[in-house]
Amino acid sequence: MSLLAQTRPRRAIELVDASFRFYRAHAPELIVLAALLLVPPILIRALMPAGIGIVIQFLSNLLLIVCQAATAVLVAGAFESDRAVSAGDALRGLGARSGSAIVVAIASGIMVMLGLILLLVPGVIAAAWTSVAVPVVAIEGLTGSAAIKRSRELARGHIGHVLGTMFIAWIIVFCIVFGGAIALGMVMGMLHITGGFSELIGGLLLVPLFPLIGVASALLYYDLRVRRDGADVAAMADGLV
């Protein structure tokens, strides 16, 4: 029986805890996936002049979106078929959807930014409504406005739950990053290592942490499907056929 059939609605803190447990169980695949997508631009940026480095940073930000989408594919493999999905399988499964994920993530970001500029509350609501748009693209194959609409439908009535889950996940990751940055800065200072090399090492050390956000958003997507669509009951019925 698939993991989806055994899933129940969970509170925000439970989802974040489940995200860390999923990460530990699938750490090799998640770290390899993040390394394949995120390490090359970090290395290239460190070797390039400052002007080109800005372009590389922009491309790196796009690859962060692709990494989140591919992570959702990996989570989907574990949840819906209860099988291990390698980093290569996740990237192949995502395929051409990577472009759609980038478009949807950028559109979602613009919506949130405009909402925050015009009035704080609409921006917060937009953040909740678009929180699982990338997993929707990666798992359901919807694109553009259809993916954002589906994300909004899933999040409707659960805005506090959605925001709470992602806030807790981001705060924990931020604390880990902040603590690591302080420790790294102290070590680099004692070793008299230059700023450029310190930035390179810092970027590489933070790569393994990013999949935690992708896992959290994917688990939140499945939690919302269980709450609104009865996805757990449907998966259980499929398992009995």
Protein backbone atom coordinates (compact mmCIF):
# COMPACT_ATOMS: atom_id res chain seq x y z
CA MET A 1 0.00 0.00 0.00
CA SER A 2 1.34 3.42 -0.97
CA LEU A 3 2.34 6.04 1.61
CA LEU A 4 -0.43 8.28 0.31
CA ALA A 5 -3.04 5.71 1.35
CA GLN A 6 -1.63 5.83 4.89
CA THR A 7 -1.50 9.62 5.07
CA ARG A 8 -3.78 11.66 7.32
CA PRO A 9 -4.18 15.43 7.72
CA ARG A 10 -1.32 16.73 9.84
CA ARG A 11 -0.65 19.92 11.73
CA ALA A 12 2.05 22.31 10.54
CA ILE A 13 4.65 21.12 13.04
CA GLU A 14 3.88 17.50 12.15
CA LEU A 15 4.42 18.22 8.46
CA VAL A 16 7.76 19.87 9.15
CA ASP A 17 8.79 16.92 11.32
CA ALA A 18 7.72 14.56 8.52
CA SER A 19 9.80 16.63 6.08
CA PHE A 20 12.93 16.10 8.16
CA ARG A 21 12.20 12.39 8.52
CA PHE A 22 11.68 12.08 4.75
CA TYR A 23 14.92 13.98 4.19
CA ARG A 24 16.86 11.63 6.44
CA ALA A 25 15.36 8.58 4.73
CA HIS A 26 16.16 9.86 1.23
CA ALA A 27 19.19 12.04 1.96
CA PRO A 28 21.52 10.49 -0.68
CA GLU A 29 19.04 11.05 -3.53
CA LEU A 30 18.10 14.55 -2.36
CA ILE A 31 21.69 15.69 -1.86
CA VAL A 32 22.77 14.31 -5.25
CA LEU A 33 19.81 16.05 -6.89
CA ALA A 34 20.69 19.38 -5.28
CA ALA A 35 24.37 18.95 -6.11
CA LEU A 36 23.69 18.22 -9.79
CA LEU A 37 21.63 21.38 -10.18
CA LEU A 38 23.14 23.85 -7.72
CA VAL A 39 26.87 23.14 -7.46
CA PRO A 40 27.88 23.88 -11.12
CA PRO A 41 26.62 27.50 -11.09
CA ILE A 42 28.27 28.11 -7.70
CA LEU A 43 31.61 26.93 -9.06
CA ILE A 44 31.22 28.84 -12.33
CA ARG A 45 30.27 32.03 -10.52
CA ALA A 46 33.36 31.76 -8.31
CA LEU A 47 35.58 31.57 -11.38
CA MET A 48 33.90 34.27 -13.47
CA PRO A 49 34.27 38.08 -13.36
CA ALA A 50 31.74 40.00 -11.27
CA GLY A 51 29.68 41.12 -14.30
CA ILE A 52 29.18 37.59 -15.58
CA GLY A 53 28.68 36.37 -12.04
CA ILE A 54 25.41 38.31 -11.88
CA VAL A 55 24.11 36.40 -14.91
CA ILE A 56 25.21 33.10 -13.38
CA GLN A 57 23.44 34.03 -10.14
CA PHE A 58 20.22 34.63 -12.09
CA LEU A 59 20.54 31.22 -13.75
CA SER A 60 21.30 29.70 -10.34
CA ASN A 61 18.03 31.13 -9.00
CA LEU A 62 16.16 29.47 -11.86
CA LEU A 63 17.84 26.17 -11.03
CA LEU A 64 16.60 26.51 -7.45
CA ILE A 65 13.08 26.35 -8.86
CA VAL A 66 13.96 23.31 -10.98
CA CYS A 67 15.46 21.67 -7.89
CA GLN A 68 12.24 22.25 -5.94
CA ALA A 69 10.17 20.79 -8.79
CA ALA A 70 12.44 17.75 -9.16
CA THR A 71 12.28 17.23 -5.39
CA ALA A 72 8.48 17.14 -5.67
CA VAL A 73 8.80 14.41 -8.33
CA LEU A 74 11.04 12.43 -5.98
CA VAL A 75 8.53 12.82 -3.13
CA ALA A 76 5.70 11.79 -5.46
CA GLY A 77 7.54 8.60 -6.37
CA ALA A 78 7.83 7.66 -2.71
CA PHE A 79 4.25 8.63 -1.84
CA GLU A 80 2.27 7.32 -4.77
CA SER A 81 4.21 4.22 -5.76
CA ASP A 82 6.20 3.57 -2.58
CA ARG A 83 9.43 3.17 -4.54
CA ALA A 84 12.84 4.76 -4.35
CA VAL A 85 13.40 7.44 -6.98
CA SER A 86 16.97 8.39 -7.85
CA ALA A 87 18.09 11.92 -8.67
CA GLY A 88 18.31 10.94 -12.33
CA ASP A 89 14.79 9.49 -12.26
CA ALA A 90 13.46 12.70 -10.69
CA LEU A 91 15.09 14.88 -13.34
CA ARG A 92 13.85 12.64 -16.16
CA GLY A 93 10.39 12.53 -14.62
CA LEU A 94 10.30 16.32 -14.46
CA GLY A 95 11.56 16.69 -18.02
CA ALA A 96 9.99 19.54 -19.96
CA ARG A 97 7.91 20.52 -16.94
CA SER A 98 10.97 22.34 -15.59
CA GLY A 99 10.22 25.28 -17.87
CA SER A 100 6.61 25.41 -16.71
CA ALA A 101 7.75 25.27 -13.08
CA ILE A 102 10.02 28.28 -13.65
CA VAL A 103 7.23 30.27 -15.33
CA VAL A 104 4.74 29.45 -12.58
CA ALA A 105 7.22 30.25 -9.81
CA ILE A 106 8.07 33.62 -11.37
CA ALA A 107 4.37 34.44 -11.89
CA SER A 108 3.67 33.47 -8.28
CA GLY A 109 6.51 35.66 -7.06
CA ILE A 110 5.21 38.63 -9.03
CA MET A 111 1.72 38.11 -7.57
CA VAL A 112 3.09 38.02 -4.04
CA MET A 113 5.33 41.06 -4.60
CA LEU A 114 2.51 43.15 -6.09
CA GLY A 115 0.23 42.11 -3.24
CA LEU A 116 2.80 43.15 -0.66
CA ILE A 117 3.41 46.48 -2.40
CA LEU A 118 -0.26 47.36 -2.77
CA LEU A 119 -1.34 46.08 0.63
CA LEU A 120 0.24 43.57 2.99
CA VAL A 121 -2.73 41.23 3.39
CA PRO A 122 -3.23 40.47 -0.36
CA GLY A 123 0.46 39.60 -0.61
CA VAL A 124 0.22 37.18 2.30
CA ILE A 125 -2.89 35.57 0.80
CA ALA A 126 -1.17 35.29 -2.59
CA ALA A 127 1.78 33.59 -0.90
CA ALA A 128 -0.57 31.01 0.61
CA TRP A 129 -2.52 30.48 -2.61
CA THR A 130 0.62 29.88 -4.68
CA SER A 131 2.58 27.92 -2.08
CA VAL A 132 2.17 24.53 -3.80
CA ALA A 133 2.03 25.77 -7.41
CA VAL A 134 5.45 24.27 -8.24
CA PRO A 135 4.55 20.80 -6.85
CA VAL A 136 1.29 21.01 -8.84
CA VAL A 137 3.30 21.55 -12.03
CA ALA A 138 5.79 18.80 -11.20
CA ILE A 139 3.29 16.17 -10.04
CA GLU A 140 0.04 16.92 -11.86
CA GLY A 141 1.55 18.37 -15.03
CA LEU A 142 -0.60 21.51 -15.01
CA THR A 143 0.94 24.68 -16.42
CA GLY A 144 0.55 28.44 -16.18
CA SER A 145 -2.63 29.83 -14.70
CA ALA A 146 -4.11 26.32 -14.37
CA ALA A 147 -1.35 25.35 -11.92
CA ILE A 148 -1.80 28.54 -9.89
CA LYS A 149 -5.58 28.03 -9.86
CA ARG A 150 -5.16 24.44 -8.66
CA SER A 151 -2.77 25.59 -5.91
CA ARG A 152 -5.29 28.23 -4.85
CA GLU A 153 -8.10 25.67 -4.75
CA LEU A 154 -6.04 23.35 -2.57
CA ALA A 155 -5.06 26.15 -0.19
CA ARG A 156 -8.50 27.74 0.07
CA GLY A 157 -9.78 27.48 3.63
CA HIS A 158 -6.34 26.42 4.90
CA ILE A 159 -4.37 29.67 4.58
CA GLY A 160 -3.19 29.64 8.20
CA HIS A 161 -2.13 26.00 7.92
CA VAL A 162 -0.24 26.65 4.68
CA LEU A 163 1.56 29.75 5.94
CA GLY A 164 2.35 28.13 9.27
CA THR A 165 3.88 25.07 7.67
CA MET A 166 6.12 26.97 5.27
CA PHE A 167 7.02 29.58 7.91
CA ILE A 168 8.21 26.92 10.36
CA ALA A 169 10.15 25.12 7.61
CA TRP A 170 11.85 28.32 6.46
CA ILE A 171 12.64 29.46 10.02
CA ILE A 172 14.31 26.14 10.86
CA VAL A 173 16.34 26.16 7.65
CA PHE A 174 17.26 29.82 8.22
CA CYS A 175 18.46 29.07 11.76
CA ILE A 176 20.60 26.21 10.48
CA VAL A 177 22.00 28.42 7.72
CA PHE A 178 22.61 31.33 10.09
CA GLY A 179 24.34 29.15 12.64
CA GLY A 180 26.44 27.53 9.94
CA ALA A 181 27.37 30.93 8.49
CA ILE A 182 28.56 32.16 11.89
CA ALA A 183 30.64 29.04 12.48
CA LEU A 184 32.05 29.17 8.95
CA GLY A 185 32.89 32.85 9.31
CA MET A 186 34.79 32.21 12.52
CA VAL A 187 36.77 29.36 10.95
CA MET A 188 37.52 31.37 7.83
CA GLY A 189 38.60 34.33 9.94
CA MET A 190 41.01 32.22 12.00
CA LEU A 191 42.46 30.73 8.82
CA HIS A 192 42.65 34.16 7.13
CA ILE A 193 40.79 32.88 4.08
CA THR A 194 39.73 35.50 1.53
CA GLY A 195 36.11 36.57 1.10
CA GLY A 196 35.66 35.06 -2.35
CA PHE A 197 36.76 31.61 -1.29
CA SER A 198 34.71 31.90 1.90
CA GLU A 199 31.60 32.69 -0.19
CA LEU A 200 32.31 29.65 -2.39
CA ILE A 201 32.65 27.28 0.56
CA GLY A 202 29.58 28.77 2.20
CA GLY A 203 27.50 28.27 -0.93
CA LEU A 204 28.61 24.66 -1.28
CA LEU A 205 27.89 23.89 2.36
CA LEU A 206 24.35 25.25 2.06
CA VAL A 207 23.42 23.20 -1.02
CA PRO A 208 22.30 20.12 0.98
CA LEU A 209 19.83 22.20 3.00
CA PHE A 210 17.72 23.46 0.11
CA PRO A 211 15.89 20.15 -0.57
CA LEU A 212 14.26 20.48 2.87
CA ILE A 213 12.11 23.32 1.53
CA GLY A 214 11.20 21.30 -1.55
CA VAL A 215 10.23 18.32 0.59
CA ALA A 216 8.15 20.50 2.91
CA SER A 217 6.23 22.08 0.03
CA ALA A 218 5.63 18.66 -1.58
CA LEU A 219 4.36 17.15 1.69
CA LEU A 220 2.16 20.21 2.17
CA TYR A 221 0.76 19.62 -1.33
CA TYR A 222 -0.18 16.04 -0.42
CA ASP A 223 -1.60 17.15 2.92
CA LEU A 224 -3.88 19.62 1.12
CA ARG A 225 -4.94 16.94 -1.35
CA VAL A 226 -5.87 14.66 1.53
CA ARG A 227 -7.87 17.47 3.15
CA ARG A 228 -9.71 18.66 0.02
CA ASP A 229 -9.71 15.73 -2.42
CA GLY A 230 -9.69 12.72 -0.12
CA ALA A 231 -6.53 11.58 -1.89
CA ASP A 232 -5.74 9.10 0.87
CA VAL A 233 -9.09 7.33 0.46
CA ALA A 234 -8.69 7.22 -3.31
CA ALA A 235 -5.19 5.77 -2.99
CA MET A 236 -6.42 3.19 -0.51
CA ALA A 237 -9.20 2.17 -2.91
CA ASP A 238 -6.71 1.86 -5.76
CA GLY A 239 -4.54 -0.36 -3.58
CA LEU A 240 -7.44 -2.73 -3.00
CA VAL A 241 -8.17 -3.20 -6.71
